[in-house]
PDB file of all heavy atoms in Angstrom:
ATOM      1  N   GLU A   1      96.216 113.188  87.793  1.00  0.00           N
ATOM      2  CA  GLU A   1      97.473 112.439  87.834  1.00  0.00           C
ATOM      3  C   GLU A   1      97.237 110.996  88.261  1.00  0.00           C
ATOM      4  O   GLU A   1      97.801 110.073  87.664  1.00  0.00           O
ATOM      5  CB  GLU A   1      98.472 113.105  88.788  1.00  0.00           C
ATOM      6  CG  GLU A   1      99.019 114.409  88.290  1.00  0.00           C
ATOM      7  CD  GLU A   1      99.901 115.102  89.315  1.00  0.00           C
ATOM      8  OE1 GLU A   1      99.876 114.741  90.513  1.00  0.00           O
ATOM      9  OE2 GLU A   1     100.610 116.038  88.908  1.00  0.00           O
ATOM     10  N   ALA A   2      96.436 110.812  89.292  1.00  0.00           N
ATOM     11  CA  ALA A   2      96.151 109.453  89.776  1.00  0.00           C
ATOM     12  C   ALA A   2      95.471 108.637  88.676  1.00  0.00           C
ATOM     13  O   ALA A   2      95.843 107.479  88.436  1.00  0.00           O
ATOM     14  CB  ALA A   2      95.270 109.504  91.024  1.00  0.00           C
ATOM     15  N   GLY A   3      94.504 109.224  88.006  1.00  0.00           N
ATOM     16  CA  GLY A   3      93.814 108.531  86.927  1.00  0.00           C
ATOM     17  C   GLY A   3      94.749 108.160  85.792  1.00  0.00           C
ATOM     18  O   GLY A   3      94.711 107.032  85.284  1.00  0.00           O
ATOM     19  N   ALA A   4      95.595 109.094  85.404  1.00  0.00           N
ATOM     20  CA  ALA A   4      96.527 108.843  84.303  1.00  0.00           C
ATOM     21  C   ALA A   4      97.534 107.752  84.640  1.00  0.00           C
ATOM     22  O   ALA A   4      97.975 107.007  83.769  1.00  0.00           O
ATOM     23  CB  ALA A   4      97.265 110.137  83.940  1.00  0.00           C
ATOM     24  N   ALA A   5      97.890 107.650  85.915  1.00  0.00           N
ATOM     25  CA  ALA A   5      98.870 106.652  86.352  1.00  0.00           C
ATOM     26  C   ALA A   5      98.216 105.338  86.778  1.00  0.00           C
ATOM     27  O   ALA A   5      98.918 104.400  87.148  1.00  0.00           O
ATOM     28  CB  ALA A   5      99.699 107.215  87.507  1.00  0.00           C
ATOM     29  N   GLY A   6      96.882 105.291  86.776  1.00  0.00           N
ATOM     30  CA  GLY A   6      96.191 104.083  87.209  1.00  0.00           C
ATOM     31  C   GLY A   6      96.313 103.826  88.701  1.00  0.00           C
ATOM     32  O   GLY A   6      96.323 102.678  89.147  1.00  0.00           O
ATOM     33  N   LYS A   7      96.409 104.903  89.485  1.00  0.00           N
ATOM     34  CA  LYS A   7      96.561 104.782  90.935  1.00  0.00           C
ATOM     35  C   LYS A   7      95.291 105.240  91.631  1.00  0.00           C
ATOM     36  O   LYS A   7      94.510 106.022  91.089  1.00  0.00           O
ATOM     37  CB  LYS A   7      97.706 105.673  91.415  1.00  0.00           C
ATOM     38  CG  LYS A   7      99.056 105.289  90.868  1.00  0.00           C
ATOM     39  CD  LYS A   7     100.121 106.244  91.344  1.00  0.00           C
ATOM     40  CE  LYS A   7     101.466 105.856  90.757  1.00  0.00           C
ATOM     41  NZ  LYS A   7     102.522 106.768  91.174  1.00  0.00           N
ATOM     42  N   ARG A   8      95.116 104.771  92.845  1.00  0.00           N
ATOM     43  CA  ARG A   8      94.010 105.264  93.669  1.00  0.00           C
ATOM     44  C   ARG A   8      94.319 106.697  94.075  1.00  0.00           C
ATOM     45  O   ARG A   8      95.458 107.026  94.428  1.00  0.00           O
ATOM     46  CB  ARG A   8      93.852 104.398  94.913  1.00  0.00           C
ATOM     47  CG  ARG A   8      93.380 103.002  94.615  1.00  0.00           C
ATOM     48  CD  ARG A   8      93.270 102.137  95.836  1.00  0.00           C
ATOM     49  NE  ARG A   8      92.755 102.918  96.973  1.00  0.00           N
ATOM     50  CZ  ARG A   8      92.777 102.501  98.218  1.00  0.00           C
ATOM     51  NH1 ARG A   8      93.299 101.333  98.528  1.00  0.00           N
ATOM     52  NH2 ARG A   8      92.289 103.242  99.192  1.00  0.00           N
ATOM     53  N   LEU A   9      93.287 107.545  94.055  1.00  0.00           N
ATOM     54  CA  LEU A   9      93.472 108.939  94.443  1.00  0.00           C
ATOM     55  C   LEU A   9      94.042 109.031  95.854  1.00  0.00           C
ATOM     56  O   LEU A   9      94.969 109.808  96.103  1.00  0.00           O
ATOM     57  CB  LEU A   9      92.157 109.712  94.343  1.00  0.00           C
ATOM     58  CG  LEU A   9      92.205 111.164  94.839  1.00  0.00           C
ATOM     59  CD1 LEU A   9      93.219 111.984  94.042  1.00  0.00           C
ATOM     60  CD2 LEU A   9      90.823 111.792  94.775  1.00  0.00           C
ATOM     61  N   SER A  10      93.527 108.242  96.780  1.00  0.00           N
ATOM     62  CA  SER A  10      94.007 108.320  98.166  1.00  0.00           C
ATOM     63  C   SER A  10      95.498 108.007  98.259  1.00  0.00           C
ATOM     64  O   SER A  10      96.232 108.684  98.973  1.00  0.00           O
ATOM     65  CB  SER A  10      93.203 107.408  99.085  1.00  0.00           C
ATOM     66  OG  SER A  10      93.289 106.079  98.655  1.00  0.00           O
ATOM     67  N   ASP A  11      95.958 107.005  97.525  1.00  0.00           N
ATOM     68  CA  ASP A  11      97.393 106.661  97.542  1.00  0.00           C
ATOM     69  C   ASP A  11      98.229 107.819  97.001  1.00  0.00           C
ATOM     70  O   ASP A  11      99.280 108.158  97.557  1.00  0.00           O
ATOM     71  CB  ASP A  11      97.661 105.406  96.720  1.00  0.00           C
ATOM     72  CG  ASP A  11      97.105 104.146  97.351  1.00  0.00           C
ATOM     73  OD1 ASP A  11      96.605 104.199  98.505  1.00  0.00           O
ATOM     74  OD2 ASP A  11      97.171 103.086  96.687  1.00  0.00           O
ATOM     75  N   HIS A  12      97.763 108.426  95.920  1.00  0.00           N
ATOM     76  CA  HIS A  12      98.511 109.525  95.310  1.00  0.00           C
ATOM     77  C   HIS A  12      98.534 110.748  96.234  1.00  0.00           C
ATOM     78  O   HIS A  12      99.581 111.388  96.402  1.00  0.00           O
ATOM     79  CB  HIS A  12      97.919 109.874  93.942  1.00  0.00           C
ATOM     80  CG  HIS A  12      98.728 110.863  93.172  1.00  0.00           C
ATOM     81  ND1 HIS A  12     100.079 110.708  92.934  1.00  0.00           N
ATOM     82  CD2 HIS A  12      98.376 112.043  92.589  1.00  0.00           C
ATOM     83  CE1 HIS A  12     100.521 111.744  92.239  1.00  0.00           C
ATOM     84  NE2 HIS A  12      99.513 112.564  92.021  1.00  0.00           N
ATOM     85  N   VAL A  13      97.421 111.053  96.858  1.00  0.00           N
ATOM     86  CA  VAL A  13      97.365 112.197  97.777  1.00  0.00           C
ATOM     87  C   VAL A  13      98.288 111.975  98.969  1.00  0.00           C
ATOM     88  O   VAL A  13      98.985 112.897  99.402  1.00  0.00           O
ATOM     89  CB  VAL A  13      95.916 112.468  98.232  1.00  0.00           C
ATOM     90  CG1 VAL A  13      95.869 113.418  99.422  1.00  0.00           C
ATOM     91  CG2 VAL A  13      95.094 113.026  97.069  1.00  0.00           C
ATOM     92  N   LEU A  14      98.335 110.760  99.489  1.00  0.00           N
ATOM     93  CA  LEU A  14      99.243 110.488 100.605  1.00  0.00           C
ATOM     94  C   LEU A  14     100.701 110.625 100.168  1.00  0.00           C
ATOM     95  O   LEU A  14     101.530 111.151 100.913  1.00  0.00           O
ATOM     96  CB  LEU A  14      98.960 109.115 101.206  1.00  0.00           C
ATOM     97  CG  LEU A  14      97.574 108.966 101.837  1.00  0.00           C
ATOM     98  CD1 LEU A  14      97.396 107.561 102.400  1.00  0.00           C
ATOM     99  CD2 LEU A  14      97.316 110.009 102.902  1.00  0.00           C
ATOM    100  N   HIS A  15     101.000 110.194  98.952  1.00  0.00           N
ATOM    101  CA  HIS A  15     102.348 110.381  98.422  1.00  0.00           C
ATOM    102  C   HIS A  15     102.668 111.874  98.313  1.00  0.00           C
ATOM    103  O   HIS A  15     103.744 112.326  98.730  1.00  0.00           O
ATOM    104  CB  HIS A  15     102.488 109.699  97.066  1.00  0.00           C
ATOM    105  CG  HIS A  15     103.840 109.856  96.453  1.00  0.00           C
ATOM    106  ND1 HIS A  15     104.065 109.731  95.116  1.00  0.00           N
ATOM    107  CD2 HIS A  15     105.055 110.159  96.988  1.00  0.00           C
ATOM    108  CE1 HIS A  15     105.336 109.925  94.852  1.00  0.00           C
ATOM    109  NE2 HIS A  15     105.964 110.193  95.980  1.00  0.00           N
ATOM    110  N   LEU A  16     101.755 112.661  97.780  1.00  0.00           N
ATOM    111  CA  LEU A  16     101.988 114.112  97.655  1.00  0.00           C
ATOM    112  C   LEU A  16     102.152 114.762  99.026  1.00  0.00           C
ATOM    113  O   LEU A  16     102.971 115.676  99.195  1.00  0.00           O
ATOM    114  CB  LEU A  16     100.833 114.766  96.893  1.00  0.00           C
ATOM    115  CG  LEU A  16     100.691 114.373  95.432  1.00  0.00           C
ATOM    116  CD1 LEU A  16      99.413 114.972  94.845  1.00  0.00           C
ATOM    117  CD2 LEU A  16     101.909 114.789  94.625  1.00  0.00           C
ATOM    118  N   THR A  17     101.407 114.282 100.002  1.00  0.00           N
ATOM    119  CA  THR A  17     101.532 114.797 101.370  1.00  0.00           C
ATOM    120  C   THR A  17     102.926 114.537 101.911  1.00  0.00           C
ATOM    121  O   THR A  17     103.589 115.446 102.433  1.00  0.00           O
ATOM    122  CB  THR A  17     100.478 114.143 102.291  1.00  0.00           C
ATOM    123  OG1 THR A  17      99.164 114.453 101.796  1.00  0.00           O
ATOM    124  CG2 THR A  17     100.620 114.622 103.723  1.00  0.00           C
ATOM    125  N   VAL A  18     103.393 113.314 101.787  1.00  0.00           N
ATOM    126  CA  VAL A  18     104.734 112.949 102.258  1.00  0.00           C
ATOM    127  C   VAL A  18     105.777 113.802 101.540  1.00  0.00           C
ATOM    128  O   VAL A  18     106.694 114.357 102.168  1.00  0.00           O
ATOM    129  CB  VAL A  18     104.998 111.443 102.041  1.00  0.00           C
ATOM    130  CG1 VAL A  18     106.458 111.092 102.306  1.00  0.00           C
ATOM    131  CG2 VAL A  18     104.074 110.608 102.924  1.00  0.00           C
ATOM    132  N   HIS A  19     105.632 113.931 100.242  1.00  0.00           N
ATOM    133  CA  HIS A  19     106.555 114.719  99.425  1.00  0.00           C
ATOM    134  C   HIS A  19     106.602 116.179  99.930  1.00  0.00           C
ATOM    135  O   HIS A  19     107.681 116.735 100.131  1.00  0.00           O
ATOM    136  CB  HIS A  19     106.100 114.669  97.956  1.00  0.00           C
ATOM    137  CG  HIS A  19     107.025 115.313  97.004  1.00  0.00           C
ATOM    138  ND1 HIS A  19     108.098 114.640  96.447  1.00  0.00           N
ATOM    139  CD2 HIS A  19     107.044 116.563  96.491  1.00  0.00           C
ATOM    140  CE1 HIS A  19     108.730 115.461  95.630  1.00  0.00           C
ATOM    141  NE2 HIS A  19     108.113 116.631  95.637  1.00  0.00           N
ATOM    142  N   GLY A  20     105.433 116.760 100.149  1.00  0.00           N
ATOM    143  CA  GLY A  20     105.375 118.138 100.616  1.00  0.00           C
ATOM    144  C   GLY A  20     105.986 118.322 101.991  1.00  0.00           C
ATOM    145  O   GLY A  20     106.703 119.302 102.236  1.00  0.00           O
ATOM    146  N   VAL A  21     105.742 117.398 102.903  1.00  0.00           N
ATOM    147  CA  VAL A  21     106.301 117.494 104.256  1.00  0.00           C
ATOM    148  C   VAL A  21     107.828 117.363 104.201  1.00  0.00           C
ATOM    149  O   VAL A  21     108.545 118.094 104.891  1.00  0.00           O
ATOM    150  CB  VAL A  21     105.676 116.449 105.199  1.00  0.00           C
ATOM    151  CG1 VAL A  21     106.414 116.391 106.532  1.00  0.00           C
ATOM    152  CG2 VAL A  21     104.194 116.755 105.415  1.00  0.00           C
ATOM    153  N   LEU A  22     108.324 116.467 103.381  1.00  0.00           N
ATOM    154  CA  LEU A  22     109.787 116.338 103.254  1.00  0.00           C
ATOM    155  C   LEU A  22     110.411 117.630 102.729  1.00  0.00           C
ATOM    156  O   LEU A  22     111.499 118.011 103.157  1.00  0.00           O
ATOM    157  CB  LEU A  22     110.150 115.142 102.369  1.00  0.00           C
ATOM    158  CG  LEU A  22     109.864 113.767 102.990  1.00  0.00           C
ATOM    159  CD1 LEU A  22     110.159 112.655 101.991  1.00  0.00           C
ATOM    160  CD2 LEU A  22     110.632 113.559 104.286  1.00  0.00           C
ATOM    161  N   HIS A  23     109.718 118.325 101.833  1.00  0.00           N
ATOM    162  CA  HIS A  23     110.214 119.635 101.395  1.00  0.00           C
ATOM    163  C   HIS A  23     110.292 120.600 102.575  1.00  0.00           C
ATOM    164  O   HIS A  23     111.266 121.351 102.696  1.00  0.00           O
ATOM    165  CB  HIS A  23     109.317 120.225 100.306  1.00  0.00           C
ATOM    166  CG  HIS A  23     109.658 119.782  98.921  1.00  0.00           C
ATOM    167  ND1 HIS A  23     110.924 119.879  98.388  1.00  0.00           N
ATOM    168  CD2 HIS A  23     108.881 119.243  97.956  1.00  0.00           C
ATOM    169  CE1 HIS A  23     110.914 119.424  97.152  1.00  0.00           C
ATOM    170  NE2 HIS A  23     109.689 119.014  96.856  1.00  0.00           N
ATOM    171  N   LEU A  24     109.291 120.582 103.454  1.00  0.00           N
ATOM    172  CA  LEU A  24     109.331 121.457 104.633  1.00  0.00           C
ATOM    173  C   LEU A  24     110.533 121.154 105.513  1.00  0.00           C
ATOM    174  O   LEU A  24     111.052 122.045 106.183  1.00  0.00           O
ATOM    175  CB  LEU A  24     108.055 121.306 105.469  1.00  0.00           C
ATOM    176  CG  LEU A  24     106.752 121.811 104.871  1.00  0.00           C
ATOM    177  CD1 LEU A  24     105.619 121.609 105.873  1.00  0.00           C
ATOM    178  CD2 LEU A  24     106.846 123.262 104.449  1.00  0.00           C
ATOM    179  N   LEU A  25     110.959 119.904 105.513  1.00  0.00           N
ATOM    180  CA  LEU A  25     112.100 119.491 106.329  1.00  0.00           C
ATOM    181  C   LEU A  25     113.440 119.762 105.636  1.00  0.00           C
ATOM    182  O   LEU A  25     114.496 119.453 106.194  1.00  0.00           O
ATOM    183  CB  LEU A  25     111.988 118.003 106.671  1.00  0.00           C
ATOM    184  CG  LEU A  25     110.849 117.650 107.624  1.00  0.00           C
ATOM    185  CD1 LEU A  25     110.707 116.140 107.738  1.00  0.00           C
ATOM    186  CD2 LEU A  25     111.070 118.277 108.991  1.00  0.00           C
ATOM    187  N   GLY A  26     113.403 120.306 104.442  1.00  0.00           N
ATOM    188  CA  GLY A  26     114.636 120.680 103.755  1.00  0.00           C
ATOM    189  C   GLY A  26     115.074 119.743 102.655  1.00  0.00           C
ATOM    190  O   GLY A  26     116.123 119.961 102.036  1.00  0.00           O
ATOM    191  N   TYR A  27     114.325 118.706 102.393  1.00  0.00           N
ATOM    192  CA  TYR A  27     114.674 117.775 101.313  1.00  0.00           C
ATOM    193  C   TYR A  27     114.269 118.378  99.969  1.00  0.00           C
ATOM    194  O   TYR A  27     113.309 119.150  99.894  1.00  0.00           O
ATOM    195  CB  TYR A  27     113.982 116.421 101.504  1.00  0.00           C
ATOM    196  CG  TYR A  27     114.517 115.663 102.680  1.00  0.00           C
ATOM    197  CD1 TYR A  27     113.967 115.817 103.945  1.00  0.00           C
ATOM    198  CD2 TYR A  27     115.594 114.793 102.543  1.00  0.00           C
ATOM    199  CE1 TYR A  27     114.459 115.138 105.039  1.00  0.00           C
ATOM    200  CE2 TYR A  27     116.102 114.100 103.633  1.00  0.00           C
ATOM    201  CZ  TYR A  27     115.531 114.283 104.881  1.00  0.00           C
ATOM    202  OH  TYR A  27     116.040 113.603 105.952  1.00  0.00           O
ATOM    203  N   ASP A  28     115.008 118.003  98.937  1.00  0.00           N
ATOM    204  CA  ASP A  28     114.703 118.499  97.597  1.00  0.00           C
ATOM    205  C   ASP A  28     115.048 117.437  96.573  1.00  0.00           C
ATOM    206  O   ASP A  28     115.599 116.391  96.926  1.00  0.00           O
ATOM    207  CB  ASP A  28     115.480 119.791  97.319  1.00  0.00           C
ATOM    208  CG  ASP A  28     114.711 120.740  96.414  1.00  0.00           C
ATOM    209  OD1 ASP A  28     113.833 120.271  95.650  1.00  0.00           O
ATOM    210  OD2 ASP A  28     114.987 121.944  96.467  1.00  0.00           O
ATOM    211  N   HIS A  29     114.753 117.709  95.321  1.00  0.00           N
ATOM    212  CA  HIS A  29     114.993 116.725  94.270  1.00  0.00           C
ATOM    213  C   HIS A  29     115.556 117.374  93.016  1.00  0.00           C
ATOM    214  O   HIS A  29     115.390 116.865  91.914  1.00  0.00           O
ATOM    215  CB  HIS A  29     113.707 115.942  93.955  1.00  0.00           C
ATOM    216  CG  HIS A  29     112.498 116.808  93.814  1.00  0.00           C
ATOM    217  ND1 HIS A  29     112.205 117.527  92.685  1.00  0.00           N
ATOM    218  CD2 HIS A  29     111.519 117.076  94.710  1.00  0.00           C
ATOM    219  CE1 HIS A  29     111.083 118.196  92.871  1.00  0.00           C
ATOM    220  NE2 HIS A  29     110.644 117.946  94.100  1.00  0.00           N
ATOM    221  N   ASP A  30     116.256 118.495  93.183  1.00  0.00           N
ATOM    222  CA  ASP A  30     116.842 119.182  92.039  1.00  0.00           C
ATOM    223  C   ASP A  30     118.039 118.434  91.472  1.00  0.00           C
ATOM    224  O   ASP A  30     118.299 118.487  90.279  1.00  0.00           O
ATOM    225  CB  ASP A  30     117.255 120.605  92.417  1.00  0.00           C
ATOM    226  CG  ASP A  30     116.052 121.500  92.652  1.00  0.00           C
ATOM    227  OD1 ASP A  30     114.971 121.205  92.091  1.00  0.00           O
ATOM    228  OD2 ASP A  30     116.183 122.489  93.406  1.00  0.00           O
ATOM    229  N   LYS A  31     118.774 117.751  92.324  1.00  0.00           N
ATOM    230  CA  LYS A  31     119.935 116.975  91.888  1.00  0.00           C
ATOM    231  C   LYS A  31     119.624 115.491  92.055  1.00  0.00           C
ATOM    232  O   LYS A  31     118.861 115.112  92.952  1.00  0.00           O
ATOM    233  CB  LYS A  31     121.163 117.357  92.710  1.00  0.00           C
ATOM    234  CG  LYS A  31     121.565 118.803  92.504  1.00  0.00           C
ATOM    235  CD  LYS A  31     122.739 119.166  93.368  1.00  0.00           C
ATOM    236  CE  LYS A  31     123.043 120.650  93.172  1.00  0.00           C
ATOM    237  NZ  LYS A  31     123.735 121.220  94.287  1.00  0.00           N
ATOM    238  N   ALA A  32     120.226 114.665  91.227  1.00  0.00           N
ATOM    239  CA  ALA A  32     119.932 113.222  91.223  1.00  0.00           C
ATOM    240  C   ALA A  32     120.142 112.593  92.602  1.00  0.00           C
ATOM    241  O   ALA A  32     119.318 111.794  93.053  1.00  0.00           O
ATOM    242  CB  ALA A  32     120.785 112.509  90.176  1.00  0.00           C
ATOM    243  N   ARG A  33     121.209 112.931  93.273  1.00  0.00           N
ATOM    244  CA  ARG A  33     121.488 112.337  94.585  1.00  0.00           C
ATOM    245  C   ARG A  33     120.419 112.732  95.607  1.00  0.00           C
ATOM    246  O   ARG A  33     119.940 111.901  96.382  1.00  0.00           O
ATOM    247  CB  ARG A  33     122.865 112.780  95.056  1.00  0.00           C
ATOM    248  CG  ARG A  33     123.294 112.117  96.324  1.00  0.00           C
ATOM    249  CD  ARG A  33     124.695 112.532  96.689  1.00  0.00           C
ATOM    250  NE  ARG A  33     125.130 111.788  97.848  1.00  0.00           N
ATOM    251  CZ  ARG A  33     126.299 111.928  98.385  1.00  0.00           C
ATOM    252  NH1 ARG A  33     127.180 112.752  97.858  1.00  0.00           N
ATOM    253  NH2 ARG A  33     126.636 111.240  99.448  1.00  0.00           N
ATOM    254  N   GLU A  34     120.037 114.020  95.604  1.00  0.00           N
ATOM    255  CA  GLU A  34     118.989 114.493  96.501  1.00  0.00           C
ATOM    256  C   GLU A  34     117.667 113.805  96.183  1.00  0.00           C
ATOM    257  O   GLU A  34     116.917 113.428  97.083  1.00  0.00           O
ATOM    258  CB  GLU A  34     118.808 116.001  96.369  1.00  0.00           C
ATOM    259  CG  GLU A  34     119.964 116.818  96.864  1.00  0.00           C
ATOM    260  CD  GLU A  34     119.791 118.307  96.587  1.00  0.00           C
ATOM    261  OE1 GLU A  34     118.915 118.685  95.778  1.00  0.00           O
ATOM    262  OE2 GLU A  34     120.549 119.091  97.168  1.00  0.00           O
ATOM    263  N   ALA A  35     117.377 113.642  94.902  1.00  0.00           N
ATOM    264  CA  ALA A  35     116.134 112.992  94.477  1.00  0.00           C
ATOM    265  C   ALA A  35     116.090 111.545  94.982  1.00  0.00           C
ATOM    266  O   ALA A  35     115.046 111.094  95.468  1.00  0.00           O
ATOM    267  CB  ALA A  35     115.995 113.038  92.964  1.00  0.00           C
ATOM    268  N   ARG A  36     117.196 110.827  94.883  1.00  0.00           N
ATOM    269  CA  ARG A  36     117.227 109.440  95.357  1.00  0.00           C
ATOM    270  C   ARG A  36     116.989 109.375  96.861  1.00  0.00           C
ATOM    271  O   ARG A  36     116.254 108.518  97.343  1.00  0.00           O
ATOM    272  CB  ARG A  36     118.552 108.771  94.988  1.00  0.00           C
ATOM    273  CG  ARG A  36     118.644 108.374  93.522  1.00  0.00           C
ATOM    274  CD  ARG A  36     119.856 107.503  93.246  1.00  0.00           C
ATOM    275  NE  ARG A  36     121.125 108.123  93.618  1.00  0.00           N
ATOM    276  CZ  ARG A  36     121.826 108.945  92.838  1.00  0.00           C
ATOM    277  NH1 ARG A  36     121.399 109.235  91.631  1.00  0.00           N
ATOM    278  NH2 ARG A  36     122.977 109.444  93.253  1.00  0.00           N
ATOM    279  N   THR A  37     117.594 110.283  97.607  1.00  0.00           N
ATOM    280  CA  THR A  37     117.403 110.320  99.058  1.00  0.00           C
ATOM    281  C   THR A  37     115.939 110.588  99.400  1.00  0.00           C
ATOM    282  O   THR A  37     115.344 109.886 100.232  1.00  0.00           O
ATOM    283  CB  THR A  37     118.301 111.406  99.691  1.00  0.00           C
ATOM    284  OG1 THR A  37     119.661 111.088  99.429  1.00  0.00           O
ATOM    285  CG2 THR A  37     118.069 111.514 101.191  1.00  0.00           C
ATOM    286  N   MET A  38     115.362 111.570  98.735  1.00  0.00           N
ATOM    287  CA  MET A  38     113.973 111.926  98.996  1.00  0.00           C
ATOM    288  C   MET A  38     113.034 110.776  98.599  1.00  0.00           C
ATOM    289  O   MET A  38     112.110 110.446  99.328  1.00  0.00           O
ATOM    290  CB  MET A  38     113.622 113.214  98.238  1.00  0.00           C
ATOM    291  CG  MET A  38     112.336 113.848  98.664  1.00  0.00           C
ATOM    292  SD  MET A  38     112.237 115.511  97.958  1.00  0.00           S
ATOM    293  CE  MET A  38     110.611 115.988  98.524  1.00  0.00           C
ATOM    294  N   GLU A  39     113.292 110.170  97.460  1.00  0.00           N
ATOM    295  CA  GLU A  39     112.461 109.048  97.002  1.00  0.00           C
ATOM    296  C   GLU A  39     112.533 107.872  97.972  1.00  0.00           C
ATOM    297  O   GLU A  39     111.516 107.244  98.261  1.00  0.00           O
ATOM    298  CB  GLU A  39     112.872 108.606  95.598  1.00  0.00           C
ATOM    299  CG  GLU A  39     112.431 109.569  94.519  1.00  0.00           C
ATOM    300  CD  GLU A  39     112.936 109.198  93.140  1.00  0.00           C
ATOM    301  OE1 GLU A  39     113.497 108.090  92.952  1.00  0.00           O
ATOM    302  OE2 GLU A  39     112.771 110.032  92.224  1.00  0.00           O
ATOM    303  N   ARG A  40     113.714 107.575  98.491  1.00  0.00           N
ATOM    304  CA  ARG A  40     113.845 106.472  99.454  1.00  0.00           C
ATOM    305  C   ARG A  40     112.999 106.734 100.699  1.00  0.00           C
ATOM    306  O   ARG A  40     112.344 105.833 101.220  1.00  0.00           O
ATOM    307  CB  ARG A  40     115.310 106.254  99.846  1.00  0.00           C
ATOM    308  CG  ARG A  40     116.095 105.441  98.823  1.00  0.00           C
ATOM    309  CD  ARG A  40     117.435 104.971  99.381  1.00  0.00           C
ATOM    310  NE  ARG A  40     118.336 106.056  99.707  1.00  0.00           N
ATOM    311  CZ  ARG A  40     119.207 106.607  98.846  1.00  0.00           C
ATOM    312  NH1 ARG A  40     119.300 106.145  97.618  1.00  0.00           N
ATOM    313  NH2 ARG A  40     119.989 107.577  99.232  1.00  0.00           N
ATOM    314  N   LEU A  41     113.023 107.960 101.178  1.00  0.00           N
ATOM    315  CA  LEU A  41     112.204 108.318 102.345  1.00  0.00           C
ATOM    316  C   LEU A  41     110.716 108.195 102.017  1.00  0.00           C
ATOM    317  O   LEU A  41     109.940 107.665 102.812  1.00  0.00           O
ATOM    318  CB  LEU A  41     112.526 109.738 102.816  1.00  0.00           C
ATOM    319  CG  LEU A  41     113.849 109.907 103.539  1.00  0.00           C
ATOM    320  CD1 LEU A  41     114.191 111.383 103.683  1.00  0.00           C
ATOM    321  CD2 LEU A  41     113.786 109.238 104.901  1.00  0.00           C
ATOM    322  N   GLU A  42     110.315 108.691 100.850  1.00  0.00           N
ATOM    323  CA  GLU A  42     108.910 108.604 100.433  1.00  0.00           C
ATOM    324  C   GLU A  42     108.476 107.138 100.360  1.00  0.00           C
ATOM    325  O   GLU A  42     107.406 106.775 100.884  1.00  0.00           O
ATOM    326  CB  GLU A  42     108.699 109.272  99.077  1.00  0.00           C
ATOM    327  CG  GLU A  42     108.835 110.772  99.123  1.00  0.00           C
ATOM    328  CD  GLU A  42     108.820 111.415  97.739  1.00  0.00           C
ATOM    329  OE1 GLU A  42     108.624 110.711  96.720  1.00  0.00           O
ATOM    330  OE2 GLU A  42     109.015 112.635  97.670  1.00  0.00           O
TER     331      GLU A  42
END
C-alpha cells in the first residue's frame, strides 16, 4: 500500500497504528460523518 501510494512505509504504518487504536476506542468509519470524525483525529 505504501509503495502504491508513494508513501514511506514508516508513515503508513504509523497511520495504520493510529487508525487501529481509534477503532479500539470506539471510532468507526462506516458512515460519512463517523469517517470524517475519525479522519480528523488521524
